[in-house]
């Protein structure tokens, strides 16, 4: 099993956060910002249709092979991070 982590900055266009390769990945995503929400979803995510992740909140997701997670914010340089656990 491999564990990796990364800080990511997203903005006002859908930004790739993580793309799974050959195995399912357990992904723990954290909104590092203390004022604004981010939206999570596929490559067509918007602030209106994405899953809202509130300020300083986290969520755990399973990303299956060939799937990708994208994020978007209402502001530029929005900080977030993740930890990925790959079998």
N, C-alpha and C. Protein backbone atom coordinates (compact mmCIF):
# COMPACT_ATOMS: atom_id res chain seq x y z
N UNK A 1 0.84 -1.17 0.00
CA UNK A 1 0.00 0.00 0.00
C UNK A 1 0.89 1.24 0.00
N UNK A 2 0.47 2.23 -0.76
CA UNK A 2 1.22 3.49 -0.86
C UNK A 2 0.34 4.64 -0.40
N UNK A 3 0.91 5.52 0.38
CA UNK A 3 0.20 6.72 0.80
C UNK A 3 0.96 7.93 0.27
N UNK A 4 0.23 8.83 -0.36
CA UNK A 4 0.83 10.06 -0.84
C UNK A 4 -0.05 11.23 -0.46
N UNK A 5 0.53 12.41 -0.41
CA UNK A 5 -0.24 13.61 -0.09
C UNK A 5 0.24 14.75 -0.95
N UNK A 6 -0.64 15.73 -1.10
CA UNK A 6 -0.28 16.87 -1.94
C UNK A 6 -1.15 18.06 -1.57
N UNK A 7 -0.56 19.25 -1.66
CA UNK A 7 -1.30 20.50 -1.57
C UNK A 7 -1.63 20.92 -2.99
N UNK A 8 -2.86 21.37 -3.20
CA UNK A 8 -3.33 21.77 -4.53
C UNK A 8 -3.96 23.15 -4.41
N UNK A 9 -3.75 23.98 -5.41
CA UNK A 9 -4.41 25.27 -5.47
C UNK A 9 -5.40 25.23 -6.63
N UNK A 10 -6.66 25.51 -6.32
CA UNK A 10 -7.68 25.54 -7.37
C UNK A 10 -8.16 26.97 -7.54
N UNK A 11 -8.92 27.19 -8.62
CA UNK A 11 -9.40 28.54 -8.90
C UNK A 11 -10.80 28.53 -9.45
N UNK A 12 -11.07 29.44 -10.35
CA UNK A 12 -12.43 29.65 -10.85
C UNK A 12 -12.77 28.83 -12.09
N UNK A 13 -11.87 27.93 -12.49
CA UNK A 13 -12.17 26.95 -13.54
C UNK A 13 -11.90 25.57 -12.95
N UNK A 14 -12.59 24.56 -13.47
CA UNK A 14 -12.43 23.20 -12.97
C UNK A 14 -10.96 22.79 -13.05
N UNK A 15 -10.41 22.34 -11.93
CA UNK A 15 -9.01 21.97 -11.81
C UNK A 15 -8.90 20.51 -11.38
N UNK A 16 -8.06 19.75 -12.07
CA UNK A 16 -7.84 18.35 -11.70
C UNK A 16 -7.19 18.27 -10.33
N UNK A 17 -7.82 17.48 -9.45
CA UNK A 17 -7.25 17.24 -8.12
C UNK A 17 -6.54 15.90 -8.10
N UNK A 18 -7.21 14.87 -8.62
CA UNK A 18 -6.62 13.53 -8.61
C UNK A 18 -7.20 12.69 -9.73
N UNK A 19 -6.35 11.86 -10.34
CA UNK A 19 -6.78 10.92 -11.37
C UNK A 19 -6.29 9.53 -10.99
N UNK A 20 -7.21 8.59 -10.84
CA UNK A 20 -6.85 7.22 -10.48
C UNK A 20 -6.30 6.49 -11.69
N UNK A 21 -5.37 5.59 -11.46
CA UNK A 21 -4.75 4.85 -12.55
C UNK A 21 -5.35 3.44 -12.64
N UNK A 22 -4.66 2.45 -12.11
CA UNK A 22 -5.08 1.06 -12.29
C UNK A 22 -5.86 0.49 -11.12
N UNK A 23 -5.79 1.12 -9.97
CA UNK A 23 -6.47 0.60 -8.78
C UNK A 23 -7.37 1.67 -8.17
N UNK A 24 -8.40 1.24 -7.44
CA UNK A 24 -9.20 2.22 -6.69
C UNK A 24 -8.32 2.94 -5.66
N UNK A 25 -8.63 4.18 -5.42
CA UNK A 25 -7.86 5.00 -4.48
C UNK A 25 -8.80 5.56 -3.43
N UNK A 26 -8.40 5.43 -2.17
CA UNK A 26 -9.13 6.09 -1.08
C UNK A 26 -8.53 7.48 -0.96
N UNK A 27 -9.35 8.49 -1.17
CA UNK A 27 -8.87 9.87 -1.21
C UNK A 27 -9.54 10.67 -0.10
N UNK A 28 -8.73 11.24 0.76
CA UNK A 28 -9.22 12.12 1.82
C UNK A 28 -8.90 13.55 1.39
N UNK A 29 -9.94 14.33 1.09
CA UNK A 29 -9.79 15.69 0.55
C UNK A 29 -10.14 16.69 1.64
N UNK A 30 -9.30 17.73 1.77
CA UNK A 30 -9.51 18.75 2.79
C UNK A 30 -9.51 20.14 2.15
N UNK A 31 -10.50 20.96 2.51
CA UNK A 31 -10.55 22.37 2.10
C UNK A 31 -9.74 23.16 3.12
N UNK A 32 -8.55 23.60 2.73
CA UNK A 32 -7.65 24.30 3.66
C UNK A 32 -8.04 25.76 3.90
N UNK A 33 -8.97 26.28 3.15
CA UNK A 33 -9.35 27.69 3.26
C UNK A 33 -10.26 27.90 4.47
N UNK A 34 -10.12 29.04 5.14
CA UNK A 34 -10.96 29.29 6.32
C UNK A 34 -12.10 30.27 6.05
N UNK A 35 -12.36 30.57 4.76
CA UNK A 35 -13.46 31.48 4.46
C UNK A 35 -14.42 30.97 3.39
N UNK A 36 -13.94 30.20 2.40
CA UNK A 36 -14.77 29.87 1.25
C UNK A 36 -14.93 28.36 1.03
N UNK A 37 -16.03 28.02 0.38
CA UNK A 37 -16.37 26.66 0.02
C UNK A 37 -15.75 26.31 -1.33
N UNK A 38 -15.45 25.02 -1.52
CA UNK A 38 -15.07 24.55 -2.85
C UNK A 38 -16.14 23.57 -3.31
N UNK A 39 -16.21 23.34 -4.61
CA UNK A 39 -17.14 22.37 -5.18
C UNK A 39 -16.32 21.25 -5.82
N UNK A 40 -16.74 20.01 -5.58
CA UNK A 40 -16.05 18.83 -6.11
C UNK A 40 -16.94 18.11 -7.10
N UNK A 41 -16.33 17.50 -8.12
CA UNK A 41 -17.10 16.74 -9.10
C UNK A 41 -16.22 16.28 -10.25
N UNK A 42 -16.84 16.03 -11.37
CA UNK A 42 -16.14 15.62 -12.58
C UNK A 42 -15.56 16.81 -13.32
N UNK A 43 -15.11 16.56 -14.54
CA UNK A 43 -14.44 17.62 -15.30
C UNK A 43 -15.37 18.77 -15.68
N UNK A 44 -16.67 18.59 -15.53
CA UNK A 44 -17.64 19.65 -15.83
C UNK A 44 -18.18 20.30 -14.55
N UNK A 45 -17.47 20.14 -13.44
CA UNK A 45 -17.94 20.68 -12.16
C UNK A 45 -18.02 22.20 -12.22
N UNK A 46 -19.07 22.73 -11.61
CA UNK A 46 -19.23 24.17 -11.42
C UNK A 46 -19.56 24.40 -9.95
N UNK A 47 -19.55 25.64 -9.54
CA UNK A 47 -19.95 25.95 -8.17
C UNK A 47 -21.42 25.64 -7.94
N UNK A 48 -22.20 25.59 -9.00
CA UNK A 48 -23.63 25.32 -8.88
C UNK A 48 -23.95 23.83 -8.85
N UNK A 49 -23.16 22.98 -9.54
CA UNK A 49 -23.53 21.57 -9.62
C UNK A 49 -22.61 20.64 -8.83
N UNK A 50 -21.54 21.16 -8.23
CA UNK A 50 -20.59 20.32 -7.51
C UNK A 50 -21.01 20.04 -6.08
N UNK A 51 -20.34 19.06 -5.49
CA UNK A 51 -20.54 18.74 -4.08
C UNK A 51 -19.77 19.78 -3.25
N UNK A 52 -20.47 20.53 -2.42
CA UNK A 52 -19.84 21.60 -1.64
C UNK A 52 -19.03 21.03 -0.49
N UNK A 53 -17.79 21.49 -0.39
CA UNK A 53 -16.94 21.15 0.74
C UNK A 53 -16.67 22.46 1.48
N UNK A 54 -17.28 22.59 2.65
CA UNK A 54 -17.23 23.84 3.40
C UNK A 54 -15.82 24.16 3.87
N UNK A 55 -15.61 25.40 4.26
CA UNK A 55 -14.30 25.85 4.75
C UNK A 55 -13.81 24.93 5.87
N UNK A 56 -12.53 24.58 5.81
CA UNK A 56 -11.88 23.73 6.82
C UNK A 56 -12.55 22.37 7.01
N UNK A 57 -13.29 21.90 6.02
CA UNK A 57 -13.96 20.60 6.11
C UNK A 57 -13.23 19.57 5.26
N UNK A 58 -13.52 18.30 5.51
CA UNK A 58 -12.90 17.20 4.78
C UNK A 58 -13.96 16.19 4.35
N UNK A 59 -13.59 15.39 3.35
CA UNK A 59 -14.44 14.31 2.88
C UNK A 59 -13.55 13.17 2.41
N UNK A 60 -14.03 11.95 2.56
CA UNK A 60 -13.29 10.80 2.06
C UNK A 60 -14.07 10.18 0.91
N UNK A 61 -13.38 9.91 -0.20
CA UNK A 61 -13.99 9.37 -1.41
C UNK A 61 -13.18 8.19 -1.91
N UNK A 62 -13.83 7.29 -2.64
CA UNK A 62 -13.14 6.24 -3.38
C UNK A 62 -13.16 6.66 -4.84
N UNK A 63 -11.98 6.77 -5.44
CA UNK A 63 -11.86 7.12 -6.85
C UNK A 63 -11.47 5.84 -7.58
N UNK A 64 -12.34 5.36 -8.46
CA UNK A 64 -12.10 4.12 -9.19
C UNK A 64 -11.18 4.35 -10.39
N UNK A 65 -10.59 3.26 -10.91
CA UNK A 65 -9.68 3.40 -12.05
C UNK A 65 -10.34 4.18 -13.20
N UNK A 66 -9.57 5.02 -13.80
CA UNK A 66 -9.94 5.90 -14.92
C UNK A 66 -10.85 7.06 -14.50
N UNK A 67 -11.22 7.16 -13.24
CA UNK A 67 -12.02 8.29 -12.78
C UNK A 67 -11.10 9.42 -12.31
N UNK A 68 -11.61 10.64 -12.37
CA UNK A 68 -10.86 11.82 -11.95
C UNK A 68 -11.73 12.69 -11.06
N UNK A 69 -11.11 13.37 -10.12
CA UNK A 69 -11.81 14.31 -9.25
C UNK A 69 -11.32 15.71 -9.58
N UNK A 70 -12.26 16.62 -9.78
CA UNK A 70 -11.97 18.02 -10.08
C UNK A 70 -12.56 18.90 -8.99
N UNK A 71 -12.01 20.08 -8.84
CA UNK A 71 -12.53 21.05 -7.90
C UNK A 71 -12.57 22.43 -8.51
N UNK A 72 -13.43 23.27 -7.95
CA UNK A 72 -13.56 24.66 -8.42
C UNK A 72 -13.92 25.53 -7.22
N UNK A 73 -13.57 26.80 -7.31
CA UNK A 73 -13.84 27.75 -6.24
C UNK A 73 -14.42 29.03 -6.86
N UNK A 74 -14.86 29.91 -6.00
CA UNK A 74 -15.31 31.22 -6.48
C UNK A 74 -14.17 32.23 -6.47
N UNK A 75 -12.97 31.78 -6.07
CA UNK A 75 -11.82 32.69 -6.04
C UNK A 75 -10.57 31.98 -6.56
N UNK A 76 -9.59 32.74 -6.95
CA UNK A 76 -8.31 32.19 -7.40
C UNK A 76 -7.46 31.78 -6.19
N UNK A 77 -6.53 30.89 -6.42
CA UNK A 77 -5.55 30.48 -5.40
C UNK A 77 -6.18 29.93 -4.13
N UNK A 78 -7.21 29.12 -4.29
CA UNK A 78 -7.90 28.51 -3.15
C UNK A 78 -7.10 27.27 -2.72
N UNK A 79 -6.60 27.23 -1.49
CA UNK A 79 -5.77 26.11 -1.05
C UNK A 79 -6.60 24.90 -0.60
N UNK A 80 -6.14 23.73 -1.00
CA UNK A 80 -6.74 22.48 -0.54
C UNK A 80 -5.65 21.43 -0.52
N UNK A 81 -5.94 20.27 0.05
CA UNK A 81 -4.95 19.20 0.10
C UNK A 81 -5.66 17.85 0.08
N UNK A 82 -4.87 16.80 -0.16
CA UNK A 82 -5.43 15.46 -0.11
C UNK A 82 -4.37 14.47 0.34
N UNK A 83 -4.86 13.34 0.86
CA UNK A 83 -4.05 12.16 1.12
C UNK A 83 -4.68 11.03 0.33
N UNK A 84 -3.86 10.33 -0.45
CA UNK A 84 -4.32 9.22 -1.28
C UNK A 84 -3.73 7.93 -0.74
N UNK A 85 -4.61 6.91 -0.60
CA UNK A 85 -4.17 5.59 -0.16
C UNK A 85 -4.44 4.62 -1.30
N UNK A 86 -3.35 4.12 -1.90
CA UNK A 86 -3.43 3.24 -3.06
C UNK A 86 -3.02 1.84 -2.65
N UNK A 87 -3.89 0.82 -2.91
CA UNK A 87 -3.51 -0.56 -2.55
C UNK A 87 -2.35 -1.06 -3.37
